[in-house]
Amino acid sequence: MNYPARLAAPLAALLAMFALLPMAVAQAPGTRERQIRAALVYKITRFVTWPGTVLPATGPFTFCHVSDDVTSQVLAGIEGRAIQDHRIRMRRLDGADSKAVAGCNLVYLTGTNALAADAMAAAVAASTLVVADGPRLGDNTAMVQLVPQDNRVTLAVDLALVRAAQLRIDATLLQMVEVRQ
């Protein structure tokens, strides 16, 4: 078919829109925000040092999470990447009790999920970094919190919990976050 030149550009734009439509439909609401948050949690690990007994020279980095299906699918995208020369192995937890967090190097809590006091004590004893997406009420709820504030995400670090877990967070990160002692 021969289309007039003035219709060529709008027709091409329309065809491009229909070509991209399946990608837009396939992505659940809030997926982009979850991707950004997952990337932020991944990047935080670059500033954390685990004891050598917890994260030996070889073996995987076990990234555990308590999350919904959409977040779980987003997190699957970082499985196999490396954290401090260790391949990431993802593990979705059904709950966040002390038995569930055993063997995790990092526990990422989303939504209203929280660790019970015994699970937090187990995480601290095992040098497991606990990251919560969203503010948590009370003390000893997470070592790092992703806190929504004015259409952006800020970080809050509970330095007492981090130290109790024998983890080290680089001063570079600590200078950019709210530090709670």
Protein backbone atom coordinates (compact mmCIF):
# COMPACT_ATOMS: atom_id res chain seq x y z
CA MET A 1 0.00 0.00 0.00
CA ASN A 2 1.06 3.53 -0.66
CA TYR A 3 0.35 5.90 2.22
CA PRO A 4 0.73 9.63 1.83
CA ALA A 5 3.96 10.90 3.40
CA ARG A 6 2.04 12.94 5.98
CA LEU A 7 0.55 9.70 7.42
CA ALA A 8 3.81 7.76 7.59
CA ALA A 9 5.07 9.18 10.91
CA PRO A 10 1.75 8.86 12.81
CA LEU A 11 1.27 5.34 11.44
CA ALA A 12 4.79 4.34 12.52
CA ALA A 13 4.14 5.77 16.02
CA LEU A 14 0.86 3.88 16.28
CA LEU A 15 2.49 0.60 15.21
CA ALA A 16 5.29 1.15 17.73
CA MET A 17 2.74 1.76 20.49
CA PHE A 18 0.95 -1.51 19.68
CA ALA A 19 4.28 -3.34 19.59
CA LEU A 20 5.07 -2.09 23.12
CA LEU A 21 1.58 -2.74 24.48
CA PRO A 22 2.25 -6.37 25.53
CA MET A 23 5.25 -5.26 27.61
CA ALA A 24 3.17 -2.61 29.39
CA VAL A 25 0.31 -5.04 30.06
CA ALA A 26 2.66 -7.77 31.33
CA GLN A 27 4.15 -5.50 34.00
CA ALA A 28 2.13 -5.44 37.22
CA PRO A 29 1.33 -2.11 38.88
CA GLY A 30 4.20 -0.89 41.04
CA THR A 31 6.75 -3.15 39.35
CA ARG A 32 9.07 -0.30 38.39
CA GLU A 33 9.13 0.99 41.97
CA ARG A 34 9.87 -2.53 43.23
CA GLN A 35 12.71 -2.84 40.71
CA ILE A 36 14.24 0.39 42.01
CA ARG A 37 13.94 -0.75 45.61
CA ALA A 38 15.42 -4.17 44.82
CA ALA A 39 18.34 -2.49 43.06
CA LEU A 40 18.84 -0.24 46.07
CA VAL A 41 18.97 -3.22 48.45
CA TYR A 42 21.44 -4.92 46.11
CA LYS A 43 23.63 -1.80 46.01
CA ILE A 44 23.56 -1.42 49.80
CA THR A 45 25.38 -4.74 50.08
CA ARG A 46 28.45 -3.17 48.44
CA PHE A 47 28.88 -1.07 51.58
CA VAL A 48 28.48 -3.92 54.08
CA THR A 49 31.24 -6.20 55.32
CA TRP A 50 30.28 -9.56 56.79
CA PRO A 51 32.59 -11.51 59.12
CA GLY A 52 34.79 -14.01 57.26
CA THR A 53 33.26 -16.87 59.24
CA VAL A 54 29.80 -15.97 57.92
CA LEU A 55 30.76 -15.22 54.34
CA PRO A 56 33.73 -17.44 53.56
CA ALA A 57 35.86 -17.09 50.42
CA THR A 58 33.71 -19.54 48.46
CA GLY A 59 30.03 -20.33 48.40
CA PRO A 60 26.88 -18.42 47.56
CA PHE A 61 25.39 -15.31 49.14
CA THR A 62 21.93 -16.28 50.37
CA PHE A 63 19.51 -13.40 49.79
CA CYS A 64 16.27 -14.25 51.58
CA HIS A 65 13.05 -12.30 51.31
CA VAL A 66 9.53 -12.22 52.68
CA SER A 67 7.54 -10.62 49.90
CA ASP A 68 4.58 -10.80 47.56
CA ASP A 69 4.64 -12.53 44.16
CA VAL A 70 5.44 -9.40 42.15
CA THR A 71 8.42 -8.48 44.36
CA SER A 72 9.58 -12.09 44.26
CA GLN A 73 9.59 -11.98 40.45
CA VAL A 74 11.54 -8.71 40.51
CA LEU A 75 14.11 -10.15 42.93
CA ALA A 76 14.55 -13.19 40.69
CA GLY A 77 16.20 -10.77 38.26
CA ILE A 78 19.22 -10.36 40.53
CA GLU A 79 19.69 -14.05 41.28
CA GLY A 80 23.06 -15.21 39.98
CA ARG A 81 24.63 -11.76 40.17
CA ALA A 82 27.49 -11.29 42.58
CA ILE A 83 27.74 -9.70 45.99
CA GLN A 84 31.36 -9.38 47.03
CA ASP A 85 32.44 -12.17 44.65
CA HIS A 86 29.66 -14.52 45.82
CA ARG A 87 26.86 -15.59 43.50
CA ILE A 88 23.44 -14.65 44.82
CA ARG A 89 21.10 -17.48 45.67
CA MET A 90 17.54 -16.26 46.24
CA ARG A 91 15.34 -17.85 48.85
CA ARG A 92 11.76 -16.78 49.41
CA LEU A 93 10.64 -17.29 52.98
CA ASP A 94 7.07 -18.18 53.88
CA GLY A 95 7.50 -16.54 57.26
CA ALA A 96 10.09 -14.66 59.20
CA ASP A 97 10.70 -16.81 62.27
CA SER A 98 14.09 -17.78 63.65
CA LYS A 99 14.17 -21.10 61.78
CA ALA A 100 13.31 -19.46 58.45
CA VAL A 101 16.12 -16.92 58.62
CA ALA A 102 18.77 -19.55 59.38
CA GLY A 103 21.33 -19.65 56.58
CA CYS A 104 20.42 -16.23 55.19
CA ASN A 105 23.12 -13.59 54.69
CA LEU A 106 20.45 -10.94 54.08
CA VAL A 107 16.74 -10.87 54.87
CA TYR A 108 14.63 -8.37 52.93
CA LEU A 109 11.19 -7.67 54.41
CA THR A 110 8.55 -5.98 52.28
CA GLY A 111 5.08 -4.68 53.05
CA THR A 112 4.04 -5.19 56.64
CA ASN A 113 6.22 -8.25 57.12
CA ALA A 114 8.38 -8.11 60.22
CA LEU A 115 10.73 -10.32 62.17
CA ALA A 116 9.61 -11.54 65.57
CA ALA A 117 11.98 -10.73 68.43
CA ASP A 118 13.44 -14.26 68.44
CA ALA A 119 14.02 -14.10 64.67
CA MET A 120 15.81 -10.74 64.99
CA ALA A 121 17.96 -12.19 67.79
CA ALA A 122 18.80 -15.15 65.52
CA ALA A 123 19.62 -12.79 62.64
CA VAL A 124 21.92 -10.72 64.86
CA ALA A 125 23.63 -13.85 66.20
CA ALA A 126 24.16 -15.14 62.63
CA SER A 127 25.40 -11.78 61.26
CA THR A 128 22.44 -11.59 58.89
CA LEU A 129 21.70 -8.13 57.50
CA VAL A 130 17.99 -7.33 57.91
CA VAL A 131 16.57 -4.76 55.48
CA ALA A 132 12.97 -3.59 55.79
CA ASP A 133 11.12 -1.85 53.00
CA GLY A 134 9.20 0.88 54.76
CA PRO A 135 9.24 2.32 58.24
CA ARG A 136 8.87 -0.07 61.14
CA LEU A 137 7.60 0.94 64.54
CA GLY A 138 9.65 0.13 67.59
CA ASP A 139 13.24 -0.71 68.26
CA ASN A 140 15.15 -3.65 66.83
CA THR A 141 12.89 -4.04 63.79
CA ALA A 142 15.52 -3.81 61.02
CA MET A 143 19.16 -2.92 60.56
CA VAL A 144 18.46 -0.91 57.43
CA GLN A 145 15.11 0.61 56.52
CA LEU A 146 14.00 1.97 53.16
CA VAL A 147 11.80 4.87 54.22
CA PRO A 148 9.49 6.63 51.73
CA GLN A 149 9.74 10.39 52.09
CA ASP A 150 8.49 13.10 49.73
CA ASN A 151 8.27 10.85 46.63
CA ARG A 152 11.71 9.34 47.21
CA VAL A 153 13.28 6.67 49.35
CA THR A 154 15.69 7.46 52.14
CA LEU A 155 17.66 5.04 54.29
CA ALA A 156 17.79 4.69 58.04
CA VAL A 157 20.45 2.52 59.69
CA ASP A 158 20.18 1.11 63.21
CA LEU A 159 23.89 1.17 64.00
CA ALA A 160 23.47 -0.62 67.34
CA LEU A 161 21.88 -3.63 65.60
CA VAL A 162 24.48 -3.57 62.84
CA ARG A 163 27.30 -3.62 65.37
CA ALA A 164 25.62 -6.31 67.47
CA ALA A 165 25.50 -8.46 64.33
CA GLN A 166 29.26 -7.88 63.82
CA LEU A 167 28.57 -6.27 60.46
CA ARG A 168 30.39 -3.19 59.21
CA ILE A 169 28.78 -0.52 57.09
CA ASP A 170 31.17 1.72 55.19
CA ALA A 171 31.35 5.33 56.32
CA THR A 172 30.56 6.43 52.76
CA LEU A 173 27.04 5.03 53.10
CA LEU A 174 26.63 6.16 56.70
CA GLN A 175 27.29 9.76 55.67
CA MET A 176 24.28 9.67 53.33
CA VAL A 177 21.69 8.07 55.61
CA GLU A 178 19.89 8.68 58.87
CA VAL A 179 21.86 6.84 61.54
CA ARG A 180 20.02 5.62 64.62
CA GLN A 181 22.14 4.55 67.58
